[in-house]
Amino acid sequence: MFLQLRFGDQYSALSRPGLDPARLDLYMLAMRLPLVAGPLRLLDGDFPHRTVMQEIAEHNAKKALALLVS
């Protein structure tokens, strides 16, 4: 799942057939949640680039919620 997260649209060249889609969604959710929690933790302090961290948290929160809906 790291490869899918890292390579995005180009992941299809690396994907393998026969993988359980529900399990892949669970793994992707498990990878997205820390990408929400980490930036939010930084925002609790005096992190200087607050807008960037907020955008990262929001982006990953939207992606995580989309996995829950599907």
Protein backbone atom coordinates (compact mmCIF):
# COMPACT_ATOMS: atom_id res chain seq x y z
CA MET A 1 0.00 0.00 0.00
CA PHE A 2 2.92 2.31 0.50
CA LEU A 3 3.68 1.99 -3.18
CA GLN A 4 0.13 2.94 -4.11
CA LEU A 5 0.25 5.93 -1.79
CA ARG A 6 3.69 6.95 -3.06
CA PHE A 7 3.21 6.48 -6.80
CA GLY A 8 -0.49 7.38 -7.12
CA ASP A 9 -1.68 7.09 -10.73
CA GLN A 10 1.49 5.31 -11.84
CA TYR A 11 0.89 2.48 -9.32
CA SER A 12 -0.88 0.36 -11.95
CA ALA A 13 2.52 -0.58 -13.38
CA LEU A 14 3.47 -2.06 -9.99
CA SER A 15 0.17 -3.63 -8.94
CA ARG A 16 -0.38 -7.38 -8.70
CA PRO A 17 -3.59 -9.15 -9.73
CA GLY A 18 -5.56 -11.29 -7.29
CA LEU A 19 -5.21 -9.10 -4.19
CA ASP A 20 -8.24 -8.76 -1.91
CA PRO A 21 -9.64 -5.23 -2.50
CA ALA A 22 -11.27 -5.02 0.95
CA ARG A 23 -7.98 -5.88 2.62
CA LEU A 24 -6.14 -3.34 0.48
CA ASP A 25 -8.66 -0.68 1.54
CA LEU A 26 -8.08 -1.58 5.19
CA TYR A 27 -4.31 -1.30 4.73
CA MET A 28 -4.70 2.03 2.96
CA LEU A 29 -6.90 3.30 5.80
CA ALA A 30 -4.26 2.19 8.29
CA MET A 31 -1.68 4.19 6.33
CA ARG A 32 -3.85 7.30 5.98
CA LEU A 33 -4.82 7.69 9.63
CA PRO A 34 -1.28 8.48 10.87
CA LEU A 35 -1.01 10.98 8.01
CA VAL A 36 -3.95 12.77 9.62
CA ALA A 37 -2.85 12.37 13.25
CA GLY A 38 0.76 13.44 12.75
CA PRO A 39 0.06 16.84 11.21
CA LEU A 40 -2.71 17.47 13.74
CA ARG A 41 -0.24 16.79 16.55
CA LEU A 42 2.15 19.31 15.03
CA LEU A 43 -0.66 21.85 14.80
CA ASP A 44 -1.21 21.55 18.56
CA GLY A 45 2.21 23.13 19.05
CA ASP A 46 3.90 26.11 17.47
CA PHE A 47 4.81 24.50 14.14
CA PRO A 48 5.81 27.34 11.77
CA HIS A 49 4.21 26.05 8.54
CA ARG A 50 0.69 25.60 9.85
CA THR A 51 -1.11 25.94 6.51
CA VAL A 52 0.90 23.16 4.93
CA MET A 53 0.27 20.79 7.84
CA GLN A 54 -3.42 21.63 7.83
CA GLU A 55 -3.63 20.89 4.09
CA ILE A 56 -1.85 17.55 4.56
CA ALA A 57 -4.20 16.57 7.38
CA GLU A 58 -7.30 17.61 5.42
CA HIS A 59 -6.20 15.80 2.26
CA ASN A 60 -5.53 12.56 4.10
CA ALA A 61 -8.71 12.86 6.16
CA LYS A 62 -10.75 13.15 2.96
CA LYS A 63 -8.99 10.13 1.47
CA ALA A 64 -9.55 8.11 4.67
CA LEU A 65 -13.24 9.03 4.80
CA ALA A 66 -13.64 8.09 1.14
CA LEU A 67 -12.30 4.62 1.98
CA LEU A 68 -14.92 4.27 4.71
CA VAL A 69 -17.75 5.21 2.34
CA SER A 70 -16.71 2.79 -0.41
